[in-house]
Amino acid sequence: MGEVAATMKIMPEGVDTDLDDLKNKLEAALPEGSSMYGSEIEPVAFGLKALKLVVLVGDLEGGTESVEEAFAAVPGVESVQVTDLGRPV
């Protein structure tokens, strides 16, 4: 079994959301067998910023679903979207 790097775009509930705190909460919510590989803050519009996270998950059927569900349940998260899948470099 290999690993897949999933790039996820996390939209916060509002412009006043502390993205560093949100990132820590997301990292704590990661399901077993997945890990954070990298992150960056991406400007969206009108002061709103998104978190782009790269998460390593097992190369299994439905690999990112558990991570998406865990992230969506974190307070302060408006939406979770997988924007890219690939092998970690």
N, C-alpha and C. Protein backbone atom coordinates (compact mmCIF):
# COMPACT_ATOMS: atom_id res chain seq x y z
N MET A 1 0.84 -1.18 0.00
CA MET A 1 0.00 0.00 0.00
C MET A 1 0.88 1.24 0.00
N GLY A 2 0.57 2.19 -0.86
CA GLY A 2 1.32 3.44 -0.93
C GLY A 2 0.55 4.57 -0.28
N GLU A 3 1.06 5.76 -0.48
CA GLU A 3 0.41 6.94 0.05
C GLU A 3 0.01 7.87 -1.08
N VAL A 4 -1.03 8.63 -0.83
CA VAL A 4 -1.52 9.63 -1.78
C VAL A 4 -1.45 10.98 -1.09
N ALA A 5 -0.99 11.98 -1.81
CA ALA A 5 -0.97 13.36 -1.30
C ALA A 5 -2.23 14.06 -1.82
N ALA A 6 -3.10 14.43 -0.91
CA ALA A 6 -4.33 15.13 -1.26
C ALA A 6 -4.20 16.59 -0.89
N THR A 7 -4.35 17.47 -1.87
CA THR A 7 -4.37 18.90 -1.59
C THR A 7 -5.81 19.30 -1.34
N MET A 8 -6.05 19.92 -0.19
CA MET A 8 -7.41 20.28 0.22
C MET A 8 -7.50 21.78 0.47
N LYS A 9 -8.57 22.36 0.00
CA LYS A 9 -8.83 23.79 0.21
C LYS A 9 -9.91 23.90 1.28
N ILE A 10 -9.54 24.50 2.40
CA ILE A 10 -10.44 24.66 3.54
C ILE A 10 -10.87 26.12 3.61
N MET A 11 -12.17 26.35 3.46
CA MET A 11 -12.70 27.71 3.57
C MET A 11 -13.19 27.93 5.00
N PRO A 12 -12.72 29.00 5.65
CA PRO A 12 -13.18 29.31 7.01
C PRO A 12 -14.58 29.93 6.96
N GLU A 13 -15.22 29.99 8.14
CA GLU A 13 -16.56 30.57 8.22
C GLU A 13 -16.58 32.07 7.95
N GLY A 14 -15.46 32.75 8.17
CA GLY A 14 -15.45 34.20 7.94
C GLY A 14 -14.05 34.76 7.92
N VAL A 15 -13.95 36.05 7.61
CA VAL A 15 -12.65 36.71 7.50
C VAL A 15 -11.96 36.85 8.84
N ASP A 16 -12.72 36.79 9.93
CA ASP A 16 -12.13 36.96 11.25
C ASP A 16 -11.65 35.64 11.87
N THR A 17 -11.76 34.53 11.14
CA THR A 17 -11.30 33.24 11.64
C THR A 17 -9.78 33.21 11.72
N ASP A 18 -9.24 32.81 12.85
CA ASP A 18 -7.79 32.68 13.05
C ASP A 18 -7.32 31.42 12.32
N LEU A 19 -6.64 31.60 11.20
CA LEU A 19 -6.25 30.46 10.37
C LEU A 19 -5.18 29.59 11.01
N ASP A 20 -4.31 30.17 11.82
CA ASP A 20 -3.31 29.35 12.52
C ASP A 20 -3.98 28.43 13.53
N ASP A 21 -4.94 28.98 14.26
CA ASP A 21 -5.70 28.18 15.22
C ASP A 21 -6.51 27.10 14.49
N LEU A 22 -7.13 27.47 13.38
CA LEU A 22 -7.92 26.52 12.59
C LEU A 22 -7.03 25.39 12.06
N LYS A 23 -5.84 25.73 11.61
CA LYS A 23 -4.91 24.71 11.12
C LYS A 23 -4.55 23.73 12.23
N ASN A 24 -4.31 24.22 13.43
CA ASN A 24 -4.00 23.35 14.57
C ASN A 24 -5.17 22.42 14.88
N LYS A 25 -6.39 22.94 14.82
CA LYS A 25 -7.58 22.12 15.07
C LYS A 25 -7.74 21.05 13.99
N LEU A 26 -7.46 21.42 12.74
CA LEU A 26 -7.56 20.46 11.64
C LEU A 26 -6.53 19.35 11.79
N GLU A 27 -5.31 19.74 12.16
CA GLU A 27 -4.26 18.74 12.34
C GLU A 27 -4.62 17.77 13.47
N ALA A 28 -5.23 18.29 14.54
CA ALA A 28 -5.64 17.44 15.66
C ALA A 28 -6.79 16.51 15.26
N ALA A 29 -7.58 16.91 14.26
CA ALA A 29 -8.74 16.12 13.83
C ALA A 29 -8.40 15.05 12.79
N LEU A 30 -7.15 15.02 12.34
CA LEU A 30 -6.78 14.04 11.31
C LEU A 30 -7.05 12.62 11.78
N PRO A 31 -7.71 11.81 10.94
CA PRO A 31 -7.95 10.41 11.30
C PRO A 31 -6.64 9.63 11.35
N GLU A 32 -6.66 8.52 12.07
CA GLU A 32 -5.48 7.66 12.15
C GLU A 32 -5.11 7.18 10.74
N GLY A 33 -3.82 7.16 10.48
CA GLY A 33 -3.33 6.72 9.17
C GLY A 33 -3.14 7.86 8.18
N SER A 34 -3.43 9.08 8.59
CA SER A 34 -3.21 10.24 7.74
C SER A 34 -2.33 11.24 8.48
N SER A 35 -1.65 12.10 7.72
CA SER A 35 -0.77 13.08 8.34
C SER A 35 -0.68 14.33 7.48
N MET A 36 -0.38 15.44 8.14
CA MET A 36 -0.21 16.72 7.45
C MET A 36 1.17 16.74 6.79
N TYR A 37 1.21 17.16 5.54
CA TYR A 37 2.46 17.19 4.80
C TYR A 37 2.91 18.62 4.52
N GLY A 38 1.97 19.55 4.44
CA GLY A 38 2.32 20.94 4.18
C GLY A 38 1.08 21.81 4.21
N SER A 39 1.30 23.12 4.28
CA SER A 39 0.16 24.04 4.30
C SER A 39 0.58 25.41 3.79
N GLU A 40 -0.42 26.15 3.35
CA GLU A 40 -0.21 27.55 2.96
C GLU A 40 -1.53 28.28 3.05
N ILE A 41 -1.44 29.59 3.15
CA ILE A 41 -2.64 30.43 3.19
C ILE A 41 -2.78 31.08 1.81
N GLU A 42 -3.99 30.97 1.26
CA GLU A 42 -4.25 31.48 -0.09
C GLU A 42 -5.31 32.58 -0.03
N PRO A 43 -4.98 33.80 -0.49
CA PRO A 43 -5.99 34.86 -0.55
C PRO A 43 -7.10 34.47 -1.54
N VAL A 44 -8.35 34.74 -1.15
CA VAL A 44 -9.48 34.40 -2.02
C VAL A 44 -10.09 35.68 -2.58
N ALA A 45 -10.72 36.49 -1.72
CA ALA A 45 -11.32 37.75 -2.16
C ALA A 45 -11.80 38.54 -0.95
N PHE A 46 -11.75 39.86 -1.05
CA PHE A 46 -12.31 40.76 -0.04
C PHE A 46 -11.82 40.44 1.37
N GLY A 47 -10.54 40.11 1.50
CA GLY A 47 -9.96 39.82 2.80
C GLY A 47 -10.12 38.39 3.26
N LEU A 48 -10.90 37.60 2.55
CA LEU A 48 -11.10 36.19 2.91
C LEU A 48 -9.90 35.38 2.43
N LYS A 49 -9.43 34.49 3.28
CA LYS A 49 -8.30 33.63 2.94
C LYS A 49 -8.69 32.18 3.19
N ALA A 50 -8.12 31.29 2.40
CA ALA A 50 -8.36 29.85 2.55
C ALA A 50 -7.09 29.17 3.01
N LEU A 51 -7.24 28.05 3.67
CA LEU A 51 -6.10 27.20 4.01
C LEU A 51 -5.98 26.13 2.93
N LYS A 52 -4.80 25.99 2.38
CA LYS A 52 -4.53 24.88 1.46
C LYS A 52 -3.61 23.92 2.21
N LEU A 53 -4.10 22.72 2.43
CA LEU A 53 -3.35 21.71 3.17
C LEU A 53 -3.05 20.53 2.28
N VAL A 54 -1.86 19.98 2.43
CA VAL A 54 -1.52 18.73 1.76
C VAL A 54 -1.51 17.66 2.84
N VAL A 55 -2.37 16.66 2.65
CA VAL A 55 -2.54 15.59 3.62
C VAL A 55 -2.15 14.27 2.97
N LEU A 56 -1.34 13.48 3.67
CA LEU A 56 -0.98 12.15 3.18
C LEU A 56 -1.98 11.15 3.73
N VAL A 57 -2.58 10.38 2.81
CA VAL A 57 -3.53 9.34 3.19
C VAL A 57 -3.13 8.04 2.52
N GLY A 58 -3.61 6.93 3.06
CA GLY A 58 -3.33 5.64 2.47
C GLY A 58 -4.00 5.50 1.11
N ASP A 59 -3.39 4.74 0.24
CA ASP A 59 -3.89 4.53 -1.12
C ASP A 59 -4.97 3.43 -1.08
N LEU A 60 -6.10 3.78 -0.46
CA LEU A 60 -7.21 2.85 -0.32
C LEU A 60 -8.46 3.43 -0.95
N GLU A 61 -9.45 2.59 -1.17
CA GLU A 61 -10.72 3.06 -1.69
C GLU A 61 -11.33 4.06 -0.72
N GLY A 62 -11.80 5.19 -1.22
CA GLY A 62 -12.38 6.23 -0.37
C GLY A 62 -11.34 6.91 0.51
N GLY A 63 -10.11 6.98 0.04
CA GLY A 63 -8.98 7.45 0.83
C GLY A 63 -9.13 8.80 1.50
N THR A 64 -9.74 9.78 0.85
CA THR A 64 -9.83 11.12 1.45
C THR A 64 -11.14 11.37 2.18
N GLU A 65 -12.10 10.47 2.03
CA GLU A 65 -13.43 10.71 2.62
C GLU A 65 -13.37 10.90 4.13
N SER A 66 -12.60 10.08 4.82
CA SER A 66 -12.55 10.20 6.29
C SER A 66 -11.92 11.53 6.70
N VAL A 67 -10.93 11.99 5.94
CA VAL A 67 -10.29 13.27 6.25
C VAL A 67 -11.27 14.41 5.97
N GLU A 68 -11.95 14.35 4.84
CA GLU A 68 -12.93 15.39 4.50
C GLU A 68 -14.01 15.50 5.57
N GLU A 69 -14.52 14.36 6.02
CA GLU A 69 -15.57 14.35 7.04
C GLU A 69 -15.05 14.90 8.37
N ALA A 70 -13.83 14.51 8.75
CA ALA A 70 -13.24 15.00 9.99
C ALA A 70 -13.02 16.51 9.94
N PHE A 71 -12.52 17.01 8.81
CA PHE A 71 -12.29 18.45 8.66
C PHE A 71 -13.61 19.23 8.67
N ALA A 72 -14.63 18.71 8.01
CA ALA A 72 -15.92 19.40 7.94
C ALA A 72 -16.57 19.54 9.31
N ALA A 73 -16.22 18.64 10.25
CA ALA A 73 -16.80 18.68 11.59
C ALA A 73 -16.09 19.65 12.53
N VAL A 74 -14.97 20.21 12.10
CA VAL A 74 -14.21 21.13 12.95
C VAL A 74 -14.91 22.50 12.98
N PRO A 75 -15.15 23.05 14.18
CA PRO A 75 -15.76 24.37 14.27
C PRO A 75 -14.91 25.43 13.55
N GLY A 76 -15.57 26.28 12.79
CA GLY A 76 -14.87 27.33 12.04
C GLY A 76 -14.66 26.98 10.58
N VAL A 77 -14.97 25.74 10.18
CA VAL A 77 -14.80 25.32 8.78
C VAL A 77 -16.12 25.49 8.05
N GLU A 78 -16.08 26.25 6.96
CA GLU A 78 -17.26 26.44 6.11
C GLU A 78 -17.38 25.33 5.08
N SER A 79 -16.24 25.00 4.42
CA SER A 79 -16.27 23.95 3.40
C SER A 79 -14.89 23.33 3.23
N VAL A 80 -14.90 22.10 2.69
CA VAL A 80 -13.68 21.34 2.43
C VAL A 80 -13.77 20.83 1.00
N GLN A 81 -12.71 21.06 0.23
CA GLN A 81 -12.70 20.63 -1.16
C GLN A 81 -11.34 20.03 -1.50
N VAL A 82 -11.34 18.84 -2.09
CA VAL A 82 -10.09 18.24 -2.57
C VAL A 82 -9.81 18.86 -3.93
N THR A 83 -8.65 19.50 -4.08
CA THR A 83 -8.33 20.17 -5.34
C THR A 83 -7.31 19.40 -6.17
N ASP A 84 -6.59 18.46 -5.55
CA ASP A 84 -5.58 17.71 -6.29
C ASP A 84 -5.25 16.43 -5.55
N LEU A 85 -4.98 15.38 -6.31
CA LEU A 85 -4.52 14.10 -5.77
C LEU A 85 -3.30 13.66 -6.55
N GLY A 86 -2.33 13.10 -5.85
CA GLY A 86 -1.14 12.61 -6.54
C GLY A 86 -0.23 11.89 -5.58
N ARG A 87 0.86 11.44 -6.10
CA ARG A 87 1.88 10.77 -5.26
C ARG A 87 2.74 11.83 -4.60
N PRO A 88 3.10 11.62 -3.32
CA PRO A 88 3.99 12.59 -2.66
C PRO A 88 5.37 12.59 -3.32
N VAL A 89 5.97 13.76 -3.39
CA VAL A 89 7.27 13.90 -4.02
C VAL A 89 8.34 13.94 -2.97
